[in-house]
Protein backbone atom coordinates (compact mmCIF):
# COMPACT_ATOMS: atom_id res chain seq x y z
CA MET A 1 0.00 0.00 0.00
CA LEU A 2 2.81 2.39 0.85
CA ALA A 3 4.57 1.69 -2.45
CA ALA A 4 1.30 2.29 -4.32
CA ALA A 5 0.83 5.60 -2.48
CA VAL A 6 4.37 6.71 -3.37
CA ILE A 7 3.86 5.75 -7.01
CA ARG A 8 0.52 7.56 -7.13
CA ALA A 9 2.04 10.69 -5.57
CA GLY A 10 4.88 10.63 -8.09
CA HIS A 11 2.46 10.09 -10.98
CA VAL A 12 0.12 12.91 -9.95
CA THR A 13 3.00 15.31 -9.28
CA LEU A 14 4.62 14.50 -12.62
CA SER A 15 1.29 14.83 -14.43
CA ALA A 16 0.72 18.23 -12.84
CA HIS A 17 4.25 19.38 -13.70
CA LEU A 18 4.03 18.20 -17.32
CA THR A 19 0.59 19.72 -17.97
CA ARG A 20 0.90 23.03 -16.10
CA ASP A 21 0.22 25.95 -18.45
CA ARG A 22 0.22 23.66 -21.48
CA PRO A 23 -2.76 23.22 -23.80
CA TYR A 24 -2.59 19.42 -23.98
CA HIS A 25 -5.91 17.70 -24.55
CA SER A 26 -6.75 15.40 -21.65
CA GLY A 27 -7.93 12.66 -24.04
CA VAL A 28 -4.57 12.60 -25.83
CA LEU A 29 -2.65 12.49 -22.55
CA THR A 30 -4.89 9.72 -21.25
CA ALA A 31 -4.33 7.73 -24.45
CA MET A 32 -0.56 8.17 -24.02
CA GLN A 33 -0.75 7.00 -20.39
CA THR A 34 -2.86 4.00 -21.39
CA VAL A 35 -0.52 2.95 -24.21
CA THR A 36 2.50 3.38 -21.94
CA GLY A 37 0.89 1.23 -19.27
CA ALA A 38 -0.06 -1.40 -21.84
CA VAL A 39 3.50 -1.57 -23.18
CA LEU A 40 5.04 -1.73 -19.70
CA PHE A 41 2.71 -4.45 -18.48
CA ALA A 42 2.45 -6.48 -21.71
CA PRO A 43 5.11 -8.95 -20.46
CA ALA A 44 2.77 -9.83 -17.60
CA LEU A 45 0.37 -11.29 -20.18
CA VAL A 46 2.57 -14.37 -20.21
CA ALA A 47 1.30 -15.13 -16.70
CA VAL A 48 -2.38 -14.59 -17.58
CA PRO A 49 -4.40 -17.77 -17.65
CA TRP A 50 -5.46 -17.98 -21.29
CA SER A 51 -8.34 -20.19 -20.21
CA TYR A 52 -10.37 -17.10 -19.30
CA GLY A 53 -13.86 -17.16 -20.71
CA PRO A 54 -15.62 -14.24 -22.41
CA GLY A 55 -17.18 -13.07 -19.12
CA GLN A 56 -13.79 -12.91 -17.42
CA TRP A 57 -12.24 -10.99 -20.33
CA LEU A 58 -15.21 -8.63 -20.25
CA ALA A 59 -14.52 -8.03 -16.55
CA VAL A 60 -10.82 -7.40 -17.29
CA THR A 61 -11.79 -4.94 -20.05
CA TYR A 62 -14.22 -3.17 -17.70
CA LEU A 63 -11.51 -2.87 -15.04
CA ALA A 64 -8.99 -1.55 -17.58
CA LEU A 65 -11.38 1.06 -18.93
CA GLY A 66 -13.24 1.95 -15.75
CA CYS A 67 -10.41 1.80 -13.26
CA SER A 68 -7.52 2.99 -15.41
CA VAL A 69 -8.60 5.04 -18.41
CA PHE A 70 -11.48 6.78 -16.61
CA ALA A 71 -9.32 7.30 -13.52
CA PHE A 72 -6.56 8.89 -15.64
CA LEU A 73 -9.10 11.27 -17.22
CA VAL A 74 -10.58 12.28 -13.86
CA GLN A 75 -7.12 12.72 -12.37
CA LEU A 76 -5.99 15.03 -15.18
CA TRP A 77 -9.24 16.98 -14.91
CA ALA A 78 -8.72 17.42 -11.16
CA ILE A 79 -5.05 18.36 -11.44
CA ARG A 80 -5.83 21.09 -13.97
CA ARG A 81 -8.39 22.66 -11.66
CA THR A 82 -6.50 22.48 -8.38
CA SER A 83 -3.06 21.58 -7.05
CA ALA A 84 -1.45 18.16 -7.42
CA SER A 85 -1.38 17.73 -3.65
CA ARG A 86 -5.08 18.49 -3.29
CA ALA A 87 -5.95 16.14 -6.16
CA SER A 88 -3.84 13.41 -4.56
CA LEU A 89 -5.55 13.91 -1.23
CA LEU A 90 -8.98 13.60 -2.80
CA LEU A 91 -7.97 10.61 -4.90
CA GLY A 92 -6.65 9.02 -1.73
CA THR A 93 -10.24 8.69 -0.50
CA GLU A 94 -10.77 5.91 -3.06
CA PRO A 95 -10.81 3.13 -0.42
CA VAL A 96 -13.62 4.93 1.41
CA TRP A 97 -15.71 4.97 -1.75
CA ALA A 98 -14.92 1.30 -2.38
CA VAL A 99 -16.21 0.37 1.06
CA LEU A 100 -19.34 2.50 0.71
CA PHE A 101 -20.16 1.08 -2.73
CA GLY A 102 -19.50 -2.42 -1.38
CA VAL A 103 -22.00 -1.81 1.41
CA LEU A 104 -24.60 -0.18 -0.84
CA LEU A 105 -24.31 -2.36 -3.93
CA ALA A 106 -22.85 -5.68 -2.83
CA GLY A 107 -24.39 -6.00 0.60
CA ASP A 108 -21.03 -5.94 2.39
CA HIS A 109 -21.13 -5.33 6.12
CA LEU A 110 -19.40 -2.43 7.82
CA THR A 111 -17.11 -3.76 10.51
CA PRO A 112 -15.53 -1.70 13.31
CA ILE A 113 -12.18 -2.04 11.53
CA ALA A 114 -13.68 -0.68 8.29
CA VAL A 115 -15.21 2.27 10.17
CA ALA A 116 -11.86 2.93 11.84
CA GLY A 117 -10.14 2.81 8.45
CA ILE A 118 -12.65 5.20 6.91
CA THR A 119 -12.22 7.55 9.86
CA LEU A 120 -8.42 7.49 9.55
CA VAL A 121 -8.48 8.07 5.78
CA LEU A 122 -10.90 10.98 6.08
CA ALA A 123 -9.04 12.48 9.05
CA GLY A 124 -5.76 12.22 7.13
CA THR A 125 -7.37 13.83 4.08
CA PHE A 126 -8.78 16.74 6.07
CA TYR A 127 -5.48 17.23 7.91
CA GLY A 128 -3.58 17.16 4.60
CA GLN A 129 -5.94 19.74 3.14
CA ARG A 130 -5.41 22.01 6.16
CA VAL A 131 -1.63 21.74 5.73
CA GLU A 132 -1.94 22.40 2.00
CA ASN A 133 -4.22 25.41 2.58
CA ARG A 134 -1.77 26.85 5.10
CA ALA A 135 1.12 26.40 2.67
CA ARG A 136 -0.94 28.00 -0.08
CA SER A 137 -1.96 31.01 2.00
CA ALA A 138 1.52 31.63 3.45
CA PRO A 139 2.93 33.31 0.29
CA ALA A 140 -0.20 35.47 0.02
CA ALA A 141 0.14 36.51 3.66
CA ARG A 142 3.80 37.42 3.06
CA LYS A 143 2.79 39.57 0.08
CA VAL A 144 0.22 41.41 2.22
CA GLU A 145 2.82 41.96 4.97
CA LYS A 146 5.36 43.28 2.43
CA ALA A 147 2.77 45.62 0.90
CA ALA A 148 1.85 46.93 4.34
CA ALA A 149 5.53 47.46 5.18
CA HIS A 150 6.07 49.34 1.92
CA ALA A 151 3.02 51.50 2.61
CA ARG A 152 4.37 52.36 6.07
CA ASP A 153 7.78 53.21 4.60
CA ASP A 154 6.16 55.40 1.93
CA ARG A 155 4.28 57.37 4.60
CA ARG A 156 7.46 58.15 6.51
């Protein structure tokens, strides 16, 4: 899980850096990400049981499109409208949504451990957003302080 979080953070940060102030179309970037992932993971196809039936391949296709391609599009959309850190924090709530959809759609049961996990994820997300907001507002506060100092100096 920690390795996945580090990889996601690196991916989101790199995506934000590469798309900042550039007019790339999100569909083109998503296609590039998808092709890159397909090329990198093609060797793993050797380990895939070729005895999959049509229903299993349909499920694999759904997961590839729904959980990768759609996720890449949403991620790029979010990064372009906010900071990479804020997008990462919000995307980090994915396990919470998985549990809630499991309860609502699949009839899963909420256990005390699941509730504790949801609480920790949401608390971490809110704390991270507070830290990010403070870091974001610090340069603005410094600008206001400098402007006030200049105004005082001009009056003297």
